[in-house]
C-alpha atoms as a PDB file:
ATOM      1  CA  MET A   1      84.742  40.873-107.259  1.00  0.00           C
ATOM      2  CA  ARG A   2      84.903  41.708-103.555  1.00  0.00           C
ATOM      3  CA  ILE A   3      85.239  39.157-100.762  1.00  0.00           C
ATOM      4  CA  ILE A   4      84.773  40.577 -97.265  1.00  0.00           C
ATOM      5  CA  VAL A   5      86.158  38.633 -94.321  1.00  0.00           C
ATOM      6  CA  CYS A   6      84.939  39.480 -90.805  1.00  0.00           C
ATOM      7  CA  VAL A   7      87.479  38.853 -88.043  1.00  0.00           C
ATOM      8  CA  LYS A   8      87.582  39.233 -84.270  1.00  0.00           C
ATOM      9  CA  GLU A   9      90.345  39.738 -81.716  1.00  0.00           C
ATOM     10  CA  VAL A  10      90.092  37.312 -78.776  1.00  0.00           C
ATOM     11  CA  LEU A  11      92.065  36.322 -75.713  1.00  0.00           C
ATOM     12  CA  ASP A  12      94.476  33.458 -76.381  1.00  0.00           C
ATOM     13  CA  PRO A  13      92.283  30.434 -75.534  1.00  0.00           C
ATOM     14  CA  ASP A  14      95.297  28.282 -74.596  1.00  0.00           C
ATOM     15  CA  ALA A  15      96.446  30.874 -72.060  1.00  0.00           C
ATOM     16  CA  VAL A  16      92.924  31.165 -70.641  1.00  0.00           C
ATOM     17  CA  ASP A  17      92.697  27.368 -70.305  1.00  0.00           C
ATOM     18  CA  ASN A  18      96.027  27.276 -68.464  1.00  0.00           C
ATOM     19  CA  TYR A  19      94.788  29.860 -65.950  1.00  0.00           C
ATOM     20  CA  VAL A  20      91.608  27.815 -65.452  1.00  0.00           C
ATOM     21  CA  LEU A  21      93.479  24.527 -64.967  1.00  0.00           C
ATOM     22  CA  HIS A  22      95.693  26.121 -62.312  1.00  0.00           C
ATOM     23  CA  GLY A  23      92.751  27.830 -60.609  1.00  0.00           C
ATOM     24  CA  LYS A  24      94.123  31.300 -61.281  1.00  0.00           C
ATOM     25  CA  LEU A  25      91.541  32.756 -63.652  1.00  0.00           C
ATOM     26  CA  GLU A  26      89.786  35.548 -61.766  1.00  0.00           C
ATOM     27  CA  ILE A  27      86.783  37.718 -62.536  1.00  0.00           C
ATOM     28  CA  GLY A  28      86.919  41.360 -61.437  1.00  0.00           C
ATOM     29  CA  GLU A  29      84.599  43.059 -58.967  1.00  0.00           C
ATOM     30  CA  ASP A  30      82.220  44.020 -61.765  1.00  0.00           C
ATOM     31  CA  GLY A  31      81.545  40.304 -62.309  1.00  0.00           C
ATOM     32  CA  LYS A  32      82.106  40.654 -66.043  1.00  0.00           C
ATOM     33  CA  THR A  33      85.787  41.145 -66.881  1.00  0.00           C
ATOM     34  CA  LEU A  34      88.961  39.209 -66.153  1.00  0.00           C
ATOM     35  CA  THR A  35      91.571  40.648 -63.818  1.00  0.00           C
ATOM     36  CA  GLN A  36      94.472  39.109 -65.760  1.00  0.00           C
ATOM     37  CA  THR A  37      96.108  41.637 -68.058  1.00  0.00           C
ATOM     38  CA  SER A  38      98.969  39.437 -69.257  1.00  0.00           C
ATOM     39  CA  ILE A  39      96.846  37.138 -71.438  1.00  0.00           C
ATOM     40  CA  PRO A  40      97.824  37.845 -75.051  1.00  0.00           C
ATOM     41  CA  ARG A  41      95.200  38.825 -77.617  1.00  0.00           C
ATOM     42  CA  LEU A  42      95.184  37.313 -81.077  1.00  0.00           C
ATOM     43  CA  MET A  43      92.983  36.686 -84.095  1.00  0.00           C
ATOM     44  CA  ASN A  44      90.193  34.184 -83.622  1.00  0.00           C
ATOM     45  CA  ALA A  45      91.491  30.960 -85.182  1.00  0.00           C
ATOM     46  CA  TYR A  46      88.345  30.281 -87.237  1.00  0.00           C
ATOM     47  CA  ASP A  47      88.645  33.787 -88.704  1.00  0.00           C
ATOM     48  CA  GLU A  48      92.209  33.024 -89.783  1.00  0.00           C
ATOM     49  CA  GLN A  49      90.800  30.096 -91.721  1.00  0.00           C
ATOM     50  CA  ALA A  50      88.170  32.372 -93.265  1.00  0.00           C
ATOM     51  CA  ILE A  51      91.009  34.589 -94.560  1.00  0.00           C
ATOM     52  CA  GLU A  52      92.760  31.478 -95.856  1.00  0.00           C
ATOM     53  CA  ALA A  53      89.592  30.463 -97.724  1.00  0.00           C
ATOM     54  CA  ALA A  54      89.444  33.897 -99.369  1.00  0.00           C
ATOM     55  CA  LEU A  55      93.126  33.849-100.325  1.00  0.00           C
ATOM     56  CA  ARG A  56      92.760  30.443-101.956  1.00  0.00           C
ATOM     57  CA  PHE A  57      90.431  32.071-104.486  1.00  0.00           C
ATOM     58  CA  LYS A  58      93.225  34.509-105.357  1.00  0.00           C
ATOM     59  CA  ASP A  59      95.700  31.629-105.572  1.00  0.00           C
ATOM     60  CA  GLY A  60      93.371  29.997-108.074  1.00  0.00           C
ATOM     61  CA  GLY A  61      93.499  33.040-110.336  1.00  0.00           C
ATOM     62  CA  LEU A  62      90.222  34.689-109.367  1.00  0.00           C
ATOM     63  CA  ASP A  63      90.261  38.458-109.920  1.00  0.00           C
ATOM     64  CA  CYS A  64      89.046  39.586-106.508  1.00  0.00           C
ATOM     65  CA  THR A  65      89.712  41.977-103.631  1.00  0.00           C
ATOM     66  CA  VAL A  66      90.047  40.438-100.168  1.00  0.00           C
ATOM     67  CA  ASP A  67      88.746  43.004 -97.686  1.00  0.00           C
ATOM     68  CA  VAL A  68      89.196  42.250 -93.963  1.00  0.00           C
ATOM     69  CA  VAL A  69      87.193  44.133 -91.321  1.00  0.00           C
ATOM     70  CA  CYS A  70      87.328  44.010 -87.527  1.00  0.00           C
ATOM     71  CA  ILE A  71      85.376  45.737 -84.752  1.00  0.00           C
ATOM     72  CA  GLY A  72      87.531  46.454 -81.717  1.00  0.00           C
ATOM     73  CA  SER A  73      89.334  48.998 -79.570  1.00  0.00           C
ATOM     74  CA  ASP A  74      92.682  48.523 -81.305  1.00  0.00           C
ATOM     75  CA  PRO A  75      92.920  45.404 -83.497  1.00  0.00           C
ATOM     76  CA  THR A  76      95.903  46.765 -85.428  1.00  0.00           C
ATOM     77  CA  ALA A  77      98.061  43.711 -84.678  1.00  0.00           C
ATOM     78  CA  ILE A  78      95.641  41.149 -86.062  1.00  0.00           C
ATOM     79  CA  LEU A  79      94.815  43.321 -89.073  1.00  0.00           C
ATOM     80  CA  ARG A  80      98.510  43.603 -89.866  1.00  0.00           C
ATOM     81  CA  GLN A  81      98.611  39.820 -89.618  1.00  0.00           C
ATOM     82  CA  ALA A  82      95.757  39.670 -92.155  1.00  0.00           C
ATOM     83  CA  ALA A  83      97.711  41.990 -94.461  1.00  0.00           C
ATOM     84  CA  ALA A  84     100.809  39.825 -94.044  1.00  0.00           C
ATOM     85  CA  MET A  85      98.772  36.790 -95.044  1.00  0.00           C
ATOM     86  CA  GLY A  86      97.763  38.566 -98.249  1.00  0.00           C
ATOM     87  CA  ALA A  87      94.623  40.634 -97.615  1.00  0.00           C
ATOM     88  CA  ASP A  88      94.261  43.592 -99.981  1.00  0.00           C
ATOM     89  CA  GLU A  89      92.437  45.902 -97.558  1.00  0.00           C
ATOM     90  CA  VAL A  90      92.271  45.963 -93.744  1.00  0.00           C
ATOM     91  CA  ASN A  91      89.682  48.054 -91.926  1.00  0.00           C
ATOM     92  CA  THR A  92      88.714  48.646 -88.328  1.00  0.00           C
ATOM     93  CA  VAL A  93      85.616  50.023 -86.655  1.00  0.00           C
ATOM     94  CA  PRO A  94      87.167  51.419 -83.419  1.00  0.00           C
ATOM     95  CA  LEU A  95      84.624  50.388 -80.795  1.00  0.00           C
ATOM     96  CA  ASP A  96      84.897  48.317 -77.642  1.00  0.00           C
ATOM     97  CA  ASP A  97      83.309  45.070 -78.829  1.00  0.00           C
ATOM     98  CA  ARG A  98      82.854  43.980 -75.200  1.00  0.00           C
ATOM     99  CA  GLU A  99      80.074  46.562 -74.955  1.00  0.00           C
ATOM    100  CA  LEU A 100      78.328  45.195 -78.064  1.00  0.00           C
ATOM    101  CA  ASP A 101      76.138  42.149 -78.481  1.00  0.00           C
ATOM    102  CA  GLY A 102      75.749  39.979 -81.571  1.00  0.00           C
ATOM    103  CA  HIS A 103      72.897  42.107 -82.918  1.00  0.00           C
ATOM    104  CA  ALA A 104      74.949  45.312 -82.727  1.00  0.00           C
ATOM    105  CA  ILE A 105      78.002  43.703 -84.318  1.00  0.00           C
ATOM    106  CA  ALA A 106      75.854  42.334 -87.145  1.00  0.00           C
ATOM    107  CA  LYS A 107      74.330  45.794 -87.720  1.00  0.00           C
ATOM    108  CA  ILE A 108      77.772  47.373 -87.979  1.00  0.00           C
ATOM    109  CA  LEU A 109      79.099  44.686 -90.307  1.00  0.00           C
ATOM    110  CA  ALA A 110      75.983  44.886 -92.493  1.00  0.00           C
ATOM    111  CA  ALA A 111      76.403  48.661 -92.766  1.00  0.00           C
ATOM    112  CA  TYR A 112      80.065  48.166 -93.642  1.00  0.00           C
ATOM    113  CA  VAL A 113      79.229  45.694 -96.427  1.00  0.00           C
ATOM    114  CA  ARG A 114      76.663  48.133 -97.837  1.00  0.00           C
ATOM    115  CA  SER A 115      79.208  50.989 -97.659  1.00  0.00           C
ATOM    116  CA  LYS A 116      81.466  48.956 -99.935  1.00  0.00           C
ATOM    117  CA  GLY A 117      78.712  48.542-102.490  1.00  0.00           C
ATOM    118  CA  GLY A 118      78.067  44.997-101.336  1.00  0.00           C
ATOM    119  CA  ALA A 119      80.186  41.880-101.681  1.00  0.00           C
ATOM    120  CA  SER A 120      79.969  38.725-103.765  1.00  0.00           C
ATOM    121  CA  LEU A 121      80.972  36.677-100.746  1.00  0.00           C
ATOM    122  CA  VAL A 122      81.168  37.381 -97.011  1.00  0.00           C
ATOM    123  CA  LEU A 123      83.290  34.924 -95.038  1.00  0.00           C
ATOM    124  CA  CYS A 124      83.267  34.523 -91.257  1.00  0.00           C
ATOM    125  CA  GLY A 125      84.726  32.044 -88.807  1.00  0.00           C
ATOM    126  CA  ARG A 126      82.176  29.484 -87.634  1.00  0.00           C
ATOM    127  CA  GLN A 127      82.275  31.018 -84.131  1.00  0.00           C
ATOM    128  CA  ALA A 128      84.514  33.027 -81.818  1.00  0.00           C
ATOM    129  CA  SER A 129      86.659  31.187 -79.292  1.00  0.00           C
ATOM    130  CA  ASP A 130      85.753  33.574 -76.460  1.00  0.00           C
ATOM    131  CA  ASP A 131      81.948  33.293 -76.432  1.00  0.00           C
ATOM    132  CA  ASP A 132      81.384  30.323 -78.798  1.00  0.00           C
ATOM    133  CA  GLN A 133      77.982  31.663 -79.875  1.00  0.00           C
ATOM    134  CA  GLY A 134      78.333  31.815 -83.657  1.00  0.00           C
ATOM    135  CA  VAL A 135      75.223  34.009 -84.044  1.00  0.00           C
ATOM    136  CA  VAL A 136      76.683  36.990 -85.929  1.00  0.00           C
ATOM    137  CA  PRO A 137      76.789  35.357 -89.414  1.00  0.00           C
ATOM    138  CA  ALA A 138      73.116  34.375 -89.181  1.00  0.00           C
ATOM    139  CA  LEU A 139      72.100  37.861 -88.042  1.00  0.00           C
ATOM    140  CA  LEU A 140      74.257  39.369 -90.775  1.00  0.00           C
ATOM    141  CA  GLY A 141      72.541  37.228 -93.372  1.00  0.00           C
ATOM    142  CA  GLU A 142      69.157  38.389 -92.132  1.00  0.00           C
ATOM    143  CA  LEU A 143      70.135  42.061 -92.336  1.00  0.00           C
ATOM    144  CA  LEU A 144      71.729  41.761 -95.777  1.00  0.00           C
ATOM    145  CA  GLU A 145      69.074  39.343 -97.073  1.00  0.00           C
ATOM    146  CA  MET A 146      71.772  36.886 -98.101  1.00  0.00           C
ATOM    147  CA  PRO A 147      71.740  33.080 -97.820  1.00  0.00           C
ATOM    148  CA  VAL A 148      73.955  31.721 -95.045  1.00  0.00           C
ATOM    149  CA  VAL A 149      75.876  28.438 -95.293  1.00  0.00           C
ATOM    150  CA  THR A 150      77.593  27.264 -92.109  1.00  0.00           C
ATOM    151  CA  ILE A 151      80.527  25.082 -91.027  1.00  0.00           C
ATOM    152  CA  ALA A 152      82.331  24.892 -94.352  1.00  0.00           C
ATOM    153  CA  ARG A 153      85.496  22.919 -94.935  1.00  0.00           C
ATOM    154  CA  ASP A 154      85.659  23.817 -98.622  1.00  0.00           C
ATOM    155  CA  VAL A 155      84.264  26.688-100.687  1.00  0.00           C
ATOM    156  CA  ALA A 156      84.190  26.981-104.477  1.00  0.00           C
ATOM    157  CA  LEU A 157      82.638  29.500-106.837  1.00  0.00           C
ATOM    158  CA  ASP A 158      80.720  28.350-109.894  1.00  0.00           C
ATOM    159  CA  GLY A 159      79.526  31.344-111.895  1.00  0.00           C
ATOM    160  CA  ASP A 160      76.962  33.177-109.786  1.00  0.00           C
ATOM    161  CA  SER A 161      76.774  30.380-107.224  1.00  0.00           C
ATOM    162  CA  VAL A 162      78.911  29.217-104.325  1.00  0.00           C
ATOM    163  CA  ARG A 163      79.407  25.497-103.727  1.00  0.00           C
ATOM    164  CA  VAL A 164      80.132  24.616-100.108  1.00  0.00           C
ATOM    165  CA  THR A 165      81.199  21.350 -98.522  1.00  0.00           C
ATOM    166  CA  ARG A 166      79.767  21.369 -95.007  1.00  0.00           C
ATOM    167  CA  VAL A 167      80.928  19.361 -92.004  1.00  0.00           C
ATOM    168  CA  THR A 168      78.088  17.548 -90.236  1.00  0.00           C
ATOM    169  CA  PRO A 169      77.919  14.803 -87.561  1.00  0.00           C
ATOM    170  CA  ASP A 170      76.742  12.418 -90.283  1.00  0.00           C
ATOM    171  CA  GLY A 171      79.558  13.254 -92.689  1.00  0.00           C
ATOM    172  CA  ASP A 172      80.149  15.885 -95.336  1.00  0.00           C
ATOM    173  CA  GLU A 173      77.334  17.411 -97.342  1.00  0.00           C
ATOM    174  CA  VAL A 174      77.587  19.607-100.426  1.00  0.00           C
ATOM    175  CA  VAL A 175      75.204  22.536-100.885  1.00  0.00           C
ATOM    176  CA  GLU A 176      74.932  25.381-103.352  1.00  0.00           C
ATOM    177  CA  ALA A 177      73.676  28.936-102.839  1.00  0.00           C
ATOM    178  CA  SER A 178      73.339  31.920-105.115  1.00  0.00           C
ATOM    179  CA  CYS A 179      75.742  34.813-104.629  1.00  0.00           C
ATOM    180  CA  PRO A 180      75.982  37.114-102.811  1.00  0.00           C
ATOM    181  CA  ALA A 181      76.157  34.745 -99.858  1.00  0.00           C
ATOM    182  CA  ILE A 182      77.623  34.388 -96.376  1.00  0.00           C
ATOM    183  CA  VAL A 183      79.719  31.321 -95.525  1.00  0.00           C
ATOM    184  CA  THR A 184      81.149  30.392 -92.120  1.00  0.00           C
ATOM    185  CA  ILE A 185      84.464  28.545 -92.212  1.00  0.00           C
ATOM    186  CA  SER A 186      85.427  25.696 -89.890  1.00  0.00           C
ATOM    187  CA  ASN A 187      88.844  24.385 -88.884  1.00  0.00           C
ATOM    188  CA  GLU A 188      88.447  21.428 -91.259  1.00  0.00           C
ATOM    189  CA  LEU A 189      89.433  23.832 -94.052  1.00  0.00           C
ATOM    190  CA  GLY A 190      93.056  23.252 -93.034  1.00  0.00           C
ATOM    191  CA  THR A 191      95.942  25.165 -91.514  1.00  0.00           C
ATOM    192  CA  PRO A 192      96.089  28.847 -92.548  1.00  0.00           C
ATOM    193  CA  ARG A 193      99.199  29.970 -94.407  1.00  0.00           C
ATOM    194  CA  TYR A 194     102.111  31.398 -92.474  1.00  0.00           C
ATOM    195  CA  PRO A 195     103.048  34.910 -93.642  1.00  0.00           C
ATOM    196  CA  THR A 196     106.445  35.253 -95.281  1.00  0.00           C
ATOM    197  CA  THR A 197     109.107  37.431 -93.654  1.00  0.00           C
ATOM    198  CA  MET A 198     108.870  39.981 -96.453  1.00  0.00           C
ATOM    199  CA  ARG A 199     105.088  40.274 -96.159  1.00  0.00           C
ATOM    200  CA  THR A 200     105.313  40.520 -92.374  1.00  0.00           C
ATOM    201  CA  MET A 201     107.851  43.358 -92.526  1.00  0.00           C
ATOM    202  CA  LYS A 202     105.775  45.187 -95.121  1.00  0.00           C
ATOM    203  CA  ALA A 203     102.608  44.745 -93.039  1.00  0.00           C
ATOM    204  CA  ARG A 204     104.255  46.428 -90.027  1.00  0.00           C
ATOM    205  CA  ARG A 205     104.028  49.741 -91.871  1.00  0.00           C
ATOM    206  CA  ILE A 206     100.326  49.326 -92.636  1.00  0.00           C
ATOM    207  CA  ASN A 207      97.757  51.225 -90.593  1.00  0.00           C
ATOM    208  CA  PRO A 208      94.198  49.900 -90.919  1.00  0.00           C
ATOM    209  CA  ASN A 209      91.573  52.186 -92.409  1.00  0.00           C
ATOM    210  CA  GLN A 210      89.451  53.722 -89.646  1.00  0.00           C
ATOM    211  CA  VAL A 211      85.705  53.388 -90.213  1.00  0.00           C
ATOM    212  CA  THR A 212      83.396  55.369 -87.914  1.00  0.00           C
ATOM    213  CA  LEU A 213      79.773  54.781 -87.053  1.00  0.00           C
ATOM    214  CA  GLU A 214      78.951  58.137 -88.626  1.00  0.00           C
ATOM    215  CA  SER A 215      80.460  57.084 -91.946  1.00  0.00           C
ATOM    216  CA  LEU A 216      78.225  54.005 -91.807  1.00  0.00           C
ATOM    217  CA  SER A 217      75.150  56.155 -91.077  1.00  0.00           C
ATOM    218  CA  LEU A 218      74.798  54.584 -87.646  1.00  0.00           C
ATOM    219  CA  SER A 219      74.380  56.189 -84.232  1.00  0.00           C
ATOM    220  CA  GLU A 220      75.195  54.868 -80.783  1.00  0.00           C
ATOM    221  CA  SER A 221      71.503  54.155 -80.220  1.00  0.00           C
ATOM    222  CA  ASP A 222      71.497  51.985 -83.360  1.00  0.00           C
ATOM    223  CA  VAL A 223      74.093  49.690 -81.817  1.00  0.00           C
ATOM    224  CA  ALA A 224      72.710  49.603 -78.280  1.00  0.00           C
ATOM    225  CA  PRO A 225      72.845  45.974 -77.090  1.00  0.00           C
ATOM    226  CA  VAL A 226      69.679  43.911 -77.066  1.00  0.00           C
ATOM    227  CA  VAL A 227      71.336  41.227 -74.941  1.00  0.00           C
ATOM    228  CA  SER A 228      73.588  42.276 -72.048  1.00  0.00           C
ATOM    229  CA  MET A 229      75.885  40.106 -69.978  1.00  0.00           C
ATOM    230  CA  THR A 230      75.060  40.468 -66.298  1.00  0.00           C
ATOM    231  CA  ARG A 231      77.665  38.094 -64.879  1.00  0.00           C
ATOM    232  CA  GLN A 232      80.331  35.629 -65.815  1.00  0.00           C
ATOM    233  CA  TYR A 233      82.119  33.220 -63.527  1.00  0.00           C
ATOM    234  CA  VAL A 234      84.622  30.405 -63.528  1.00  0.00           C
ATOM    235  CA  SER A 235      82.802  27.196 -62.736  1.00  0.00           C
ATOM    236  CA  SER A 236      84.438  24.747 -60.372  1.00  0.00           C
ATOM    237  CA  VAL A 237      85.713  21.577 -62.003  1.00  0.00           C
ATOM    238  CA  GLN A 238      85.608  18.401 -59.938  1.00  0.00           C
ATOM    239  CA  GLY A 239      86.718  14.938 -60.873  1.00  0.00           C
ATOM    240  CA  ASN A 240      86.940  11.563 -59.217  1.00  0.00           C
ATOM    241  CA  CYS A 241      88.397   8.212 -60.061  1.00  0.00           C
ATOM    242  CA  GLN A 242      86.873   4.855 -59.221  1.00  0.00           C
ATOM    243  CA  PHE A 243      88.752   1.589 -59.646  1.00  0.00           C
ATOM    244  CA  ILE A 244      86.880  -1.394 -61.063  1.00  0.00           C
ATOM    245  CA  ASP A 245      87.411  -4.602 -59.116  1.00  0.00           C
ATOM    246  CA  GLY A 246      87.799  -7.972 -60.787  1.00  0.00           C
ATOM    247  CA  ALA A 247      90.202 -10.888 -60.910  1.00  0.00           C
ATOM    248  CA  SER A 248      90.334 -10.804 -64.715  1.00  0.00           C
ATOM    249  CA  PRO A 249      89.662  -8.334 -67.531  1.00  0.00           C
ATOM    250  CA  ASP A 250      86.366 -10.127 -68.233  1.00  0.00           C
ATOM    251  CA  GLU A 251      85.193  -9.659 -64.629  1.00  0.00           C
ATOM    252  CA  GLN A 252      86.275  -6.006 -64.677  1.00  0.00           C
ATOM    253  CA  ALA A 253      84.392  -5.419 -67.936  1.00  0.00           C
ATOM    254  CA  THR A 254      81.274  -7.049 -66.500  1.00  0.00           C
ATOM    255  CA  SER A 255      81.524  -4.928 -63.353  1.00  0.00           C
ATOM    256  CA  LEU A 256      81.953  -1.767 -65.420  1.00  0.00           C
ATOM    257  CA  ILE A 257      78.893  -2.542 -67.532  1.00  0.00           C
ATOM    258  CA  GLU A 258      76.804  -3.169 -64.407  1.00  0.00           C
ATOM    259  CA  LYS A 259      77.825   0.197 -62.958  1.00  0.00           C
ATOM    260  CA  LEU A 260      77.064   2.035 -66.204  1.00  0.00           C
ATOM    261  CA  ARG A 261      73.652   0.385 -66.381  1.00  0.00           C
ATOM    262  CA  ALA A 262      72.938   1.216 -62.753  1.00  0.00           C
ATOM    263  CA  GLU A 263      73.625   4.887 -63.491  1.00  0.00           C
ATOM    264  CA  ARG A 264      71.528   4.682 -66.682  1.00  0.00           C
ATOM    265  CA  ILE A 265      74.476   5.680 -68.853  1.00  0.00           C
ATOM    266  CA  ILE A 266      73.854   2.663 -71.067  1.00  0.00           C
END
């Protein structure tokens, strides 16, 4: 049984937030890329949890291969992290993912899954922390003609079916889908395992398998973006504080309610 996990390398969101809070995040002259080069790059956190979900199947005794794939210029570091966590195979498609849109990424991943003879389960993070779109799993499901189950906090296999506990605003819901299927993993799954020292040292010697577009029977025109970013910018954040007058907590509460009603908030 093969489980394929799709991962992405992103800028450290905490570092990006710190630059924003201090007003130091800058966009280059092209209006599309950041000027900061010191922001570390790491694996998208939701994708780490997708790897954790796959490895829990192995922990439970399932005879399976956990295959991790990433599209990027040089995602060696995060793929070695995946190997240190316990992935059996790590693969990279060496392309600049900043030049690709969700459609192109889904096409490449679909071709990769087919090149492996398919997969019983494809796991993805619920979304990427850099663009927060979460469209690739749905597009991938369309291309592979697989059912897609989103925002999972628990995944279990039952014969030829996958049983998923989904997180919703109204509480958890349990759904089943026939395999092969695509499942997106949310942070409610729990904290991913921390690689042991021995696994980490062993993973340092691993070089990811290089997968080219040609080997996937794709050309550059096949992955031309349908949606292109024309501009990104750092929006200005403004805040203000207003004190509520009143001689007692009851008067202050009444005054607050009146203001909220006047602004049609309640």
